[in-house]
Protein backbone atom coordinates (compact mmCIF):
# COMPACT_ATOMS: atom_id res chain seq x y z
CA MET A 1 0.00 0.00 -0.05
CA ALA A 2 1.38 3.28 -1.05
CA ILE A 3 0.41 6.74 -2.18
CA ARG A 4 1.40 7.20 -5.76
CA GLN A 5 2.14 10.50 -7.47
CA ILE A 6 -0.89 11.95 -9.51
CA ARG A 7 0.09 12.97 -13.02
CA ILE A 8 -0.78 16.53 -13.94
CA GLU A 9 -2.11 18.01 -17.20
CA GLY A 10 0.72 18.32 -19.62
CA ASP A 11 2.06 14.86 -18.85
CA PRO A 12 1.89 13.06 -22.13
CA LEU A 13 0.96 9.83 -20.47
CA LEU A 14 -2.48 11.27 -19.66
CA ARG A 15 -3.36 11.50 -23.37
CA LYS A 16 -2.54 7.85 -24.19
CA LYS A 17 -5.17 5.04 -24.38
CA SER A 18 -5.01 2.39 -21.73
CA ARG A 19 -4.69 -1.29 -22.36
CA GLU A 20 -7.08 -3.94 -21.08
CA VAL A 21 -6.15 -6.12 -18.03
CA SER A 22 -5.69 -9.58 -19.29
CA GLU A 23 -5.10 -11.23 -15.87
CA ILE A 24 -5.98 -9.96 -12.36
CA ASN A 25 -2.76 -10.74 -10.59
CA GLU A 26 -0.84 -9.45 -7.61
CA ARG A 27 0.45 -6.35 -9.53
CA ILE A 28 -3.12 -5.40 -10.46
CA LEU A 29 -4.36 -5.90 -6.93
CA GLU A 30 -1.54 -3.80 -5.60
CA LEU A 31 -2.28 -1.04 -8.20
CA LEU A 32 -5.98 -1.09 -7.01
CA ASP A 33 -4.81 -0.89 -3.40
CA ASP A 34 -2.43 2.04 -4.16
CA MET A 35 -5.04 3.77 -6.14
CA LYS A 36 -7.53 3.56 -3.29
CA ASP A 37 -4.98 4.99 -0.88
CA THR A 38 -3.97 7.72 -3.35
CA LEU A 39 -7.72 8.68 -4.00
CA TYR A 40 -8.38 9.02 -0.19
CA GLU A 41 -5.23 10.92 0.45
CA ALA A 42 -6.15 13.45 -2.42
CA GLU A 43 -9.76 13.62 -1.11
CA GLY A 44 -11.11 12.79 -4.58
CA LEU A 45 -14.17 10.84 -5.81
CA GLY A 46 -12.53 8.90 -8.52
CA LEU A 47 -9.10 7.92 -9.95
CA ALA A 48 -8.09 6.15 -13.10
CA ALA A 49 -4.79 4.28 -13.52
CA PRO A 50 -3.29 6.71 -16.14
CA GLN A 51 -3.52 9.31 -13.42
CA VAL A 52 -0.90 7.52 -11.45
CA GLY A 53 1.21 6.60 -14.42
CA VAL A 54 -0.16 3.17 -15.31
CA LEU A 55 -1.76 2.58 -18.74
CA ARG A 56 -4.17 -0.04 -17.70
CA ARG A 57 -8.01 0.07 -17.82
CA VAL A 58 -8.38 0.30 -14.06
CA VAL A 59 -10.56 2.80 -12.08
CA VAL A 60 -11.49 3.35 -8.45
CA VAL A 61 -14.55 5.44 -7.41
CA ASP A 62 -15.94 6.24 -4.10
CA MET A 63 -18.93 8.63 -4.09
CA ARG A 64 -19.11 8.34 -0.22
CA ASP A 65 -22.45 6.63 -0.58
CA GLU A 66 -23.89 3.24 0.45
CA GLU A 67 -22.09 1.44 -2.27
CA GLY A 68 -18.76 2.56 -0.98
CA LEU A 69 -15.59 2.00 -2.92
CA LEU A 70 -15.87 0.63 -6.47
CA MET A 71 -12.86 -1.07 -7.98
CA MET A 72 -13.38 -1.45 -11.67
CA ILE A 73 -11.22 -3.45 -14.06
CA ASN A 74 -11.80 -3.14 -17.79
CA PRO A 75 -14.94 -0.98 -17.33
CA LYS A 76 -16.87 -0.01 -20.33
CA ILE A 77 -20.20 1.87 -20.89
CA ILE A 78 -22.67 -0.48 -22.54
CA GLU A 79 -25.69 1.83 -22.50
CA GLU A 80 -26.27 5.52 -21.98
CA SER A 81 -29.29 7.69 -22.05
CA ASP A 82 -30.07 10.30 -24.71
CA GLU A 83 -30.99 12.65 -21.92
CA THR A 84 -28.02 14.64 -20.72
CA GLN A 85 -27.08 16.69 -17.65
CA ILE A 86 -24.71 19.63 -17.13
CA ASN A 87 -22.56 19.67 -14.02
CA ILE A 88 -19.32 21.31 -12.80
CA GLU A 89 -16.37 19.01 -12.82
CA GLY A 90 -12.87 19.14 -11.46
CA CYS A 91 -10.06 16.61 -11.72
CA LEU A 92 -7.11 15.61 -9.55
CA SER A 93 -4.96 15.76 -12.69
CA VAL A 94 -6.14 19.41 -13.44
CA PRO A 95 -5.76 21.01 -10.04
CA ASP A 96 -7.49 24.30 -8.97
CA GLU A 97 -9.70 24.33 -12.03
CA SER A 98 -13.31 23.37 -12.75
CA GLY A 99 -15.67 23.62 -15.65
CA TYR A 100 -19.08 22.81 -17.02
CA VAL A 101 -19.36 19.49 -18.82
CA GLN A 102 -22.41 17.80 -20.51
CA ARG A 103 -22.70 14.10 -19.95
CA PRO A 104 -25.41 11.38 -20.19
CA LYS A 105 -27.87 11.58 -17.21
CA GLU A 106 -27.95 7.71 -16.93
CA LEU A 107 -25.56 4.99 -17.91
CA THR A 108 -24.90 1.24 -17.53
CA VAL A 109 -21.29 0.12 -17.12
CA GLU A 110 -19.89 -3.30 -17.21
CA TYR A 111 -16.62 -4.32 -15.43
CA LEU A 112 -14.72 -6.95 -13.51
CA ASP A 113 -14.33 -6.47 -9.76
CA GLU A 114 -11.07 -7.15 -7.88
CA LYS A 115 -12.05 -10.81 -7.61
CA GLY A 116 -12.55 -11.08 -11.39
CA GLU A 117 -16.37 -11.34 -11.21
CA LYS A 118 -18.24 -9.58 -13.98
CA ARG A 119 -20.45 -6.73 -12.71
CA THR A 120 -23.13 -4.57 -14.30
CA MET A 121 -24.14 -1.32 -12.68
CA LYS A 122 -26.77 1.27 -13.60
CA CYS A 123 -26.27 4.80 -12.40
CA ASP A 124 -27.48 8.21 -12.76
CA GLY A 125 -26.90 11.70 -11.63
CA TYR A 126 -23.47 12.67 -10.32
CA LYS A 127 -22.43 8.99 -10.04
CA ALA A 128 -22.85 8.72 -13.86
CA VAL A 129 -20.81 11.90 -14.32
CA CYS A 130 -18.04 10.58 -12.19
CA ILE A 131 -17.82 7.18 -13.85
CA SER A 132 -17.97 8.72 -17.31
CA HIS A 133 -15.25 11.13 -16.33
CA GLU A 134 -12.97 8.34 -15.03
CA LEU A 135 -13.52 6.19 -18.10
CA ASP A 136 -12.64 9.14 -20.26
CA HIS A 137 -9.23 9.05 -18.65
CA LEU A 138 -8.77 5.42 -20.03
CA GLU A 139 -9.13 6.90 -23.52
CA GLY A 140 -6.64 9.70 -22.92
CA ILE A 141 -9.49 12.30 -22.57
CA LEU A 142 -9.50 14.90 -19.83
CA TYR A 143 -12.72 16.77 -18.83
CA ILE A 144 -11.21 20.04 -20.00
CA ASP A 145 -11.46 18.60 -23.59
CA LYS A 146 -15.32 18.49 -23.08
CA LYS A 147 -15.80 21.83 -21.19
CA ILE A 148 -18.70 23.83 -22.46
CA GLU A 149 -19.68 27.51 -22.10
CA VAL A 150 -23.07 27.79 -20.28
CA ASP A 151 -25.51 30.71 -20.00
CA GLU A 152 -28.10 31.52 -17.44
CA GLU A 153 -30.81 29.91 -19.49
CA MET A 154 -28.92 26.62 -19.74
CA LEU A 155 -28.40 26.63 -16.00
CA GLU A 156 -31.98 27.36 -15.31
CA LYS A 157 -33.03 24.49 -17.55
CA GLU A 158 -30.66 22.18 -15.59
CA GLY A 159 -32.20 23.46 -12.42
CA MET A 160 -28.85 24.71 -11.18
CA LEU A 161 -29.48 27.70 -8.91
CA GLU A 162 -26.73 30.06 -7.99
CA GLU A 163 -26.53 28.55 -4.44
CA GLU A 164 -26.15 25.04 -5.85
CA ILE A 165 -23.37 26.18 -8.25
CA LEU A 166 -21.41 27.71 -5.36
CA GLU A 167 -21.75 24.43 -3.28
CA GLU A 168 -20.59 22.41 -6.27
CA GLU A 169 -17.61 24.70 -6.98
CA ASN A 170 -16.50 24.41 -3.27
CA GLY A 171 -17.08 20.61 -3.31
CA GLU A 172 -14.58 17.84 -3.83
CA ASN A 173 -12.62 17.20 -6.86
CA GLU A 174 -12.67 13.84 -8.77
């Protein structure tokens, strides 16, 4: 168990596509454990392996909800809604910045857990945002690539009041 260094925007490794995990071995389990420790140390919600310098399709997410920590190996979105949502996002690899991103409101993700068991999970709201954000890292995509400009009308349509925006801006990074 170790805290790994988080790669910051500008590091070319963050722009590379990650390879699938072919075998869940001690190295992958150690990576998952280190990513969990790094996530909690950085007080984030999610972390993808490329963010700690490993080009493998591995993600950890903890929304601090009843599901707790999710360790996802070879995750992929198998279904997403046409309906979208706009949220403010941040990223441990892009410190001290945030921006609006439009993502699917609901999605279904398929992955292997740390025991190698196939799992399927449906999620919506901010959990869908977080998982979509982390899976983008596996493709070499950062949220800043998807940032959009919003106006008051868009925010009103999304039901984002000024107080909610301030709360999100002062919230935790992913």
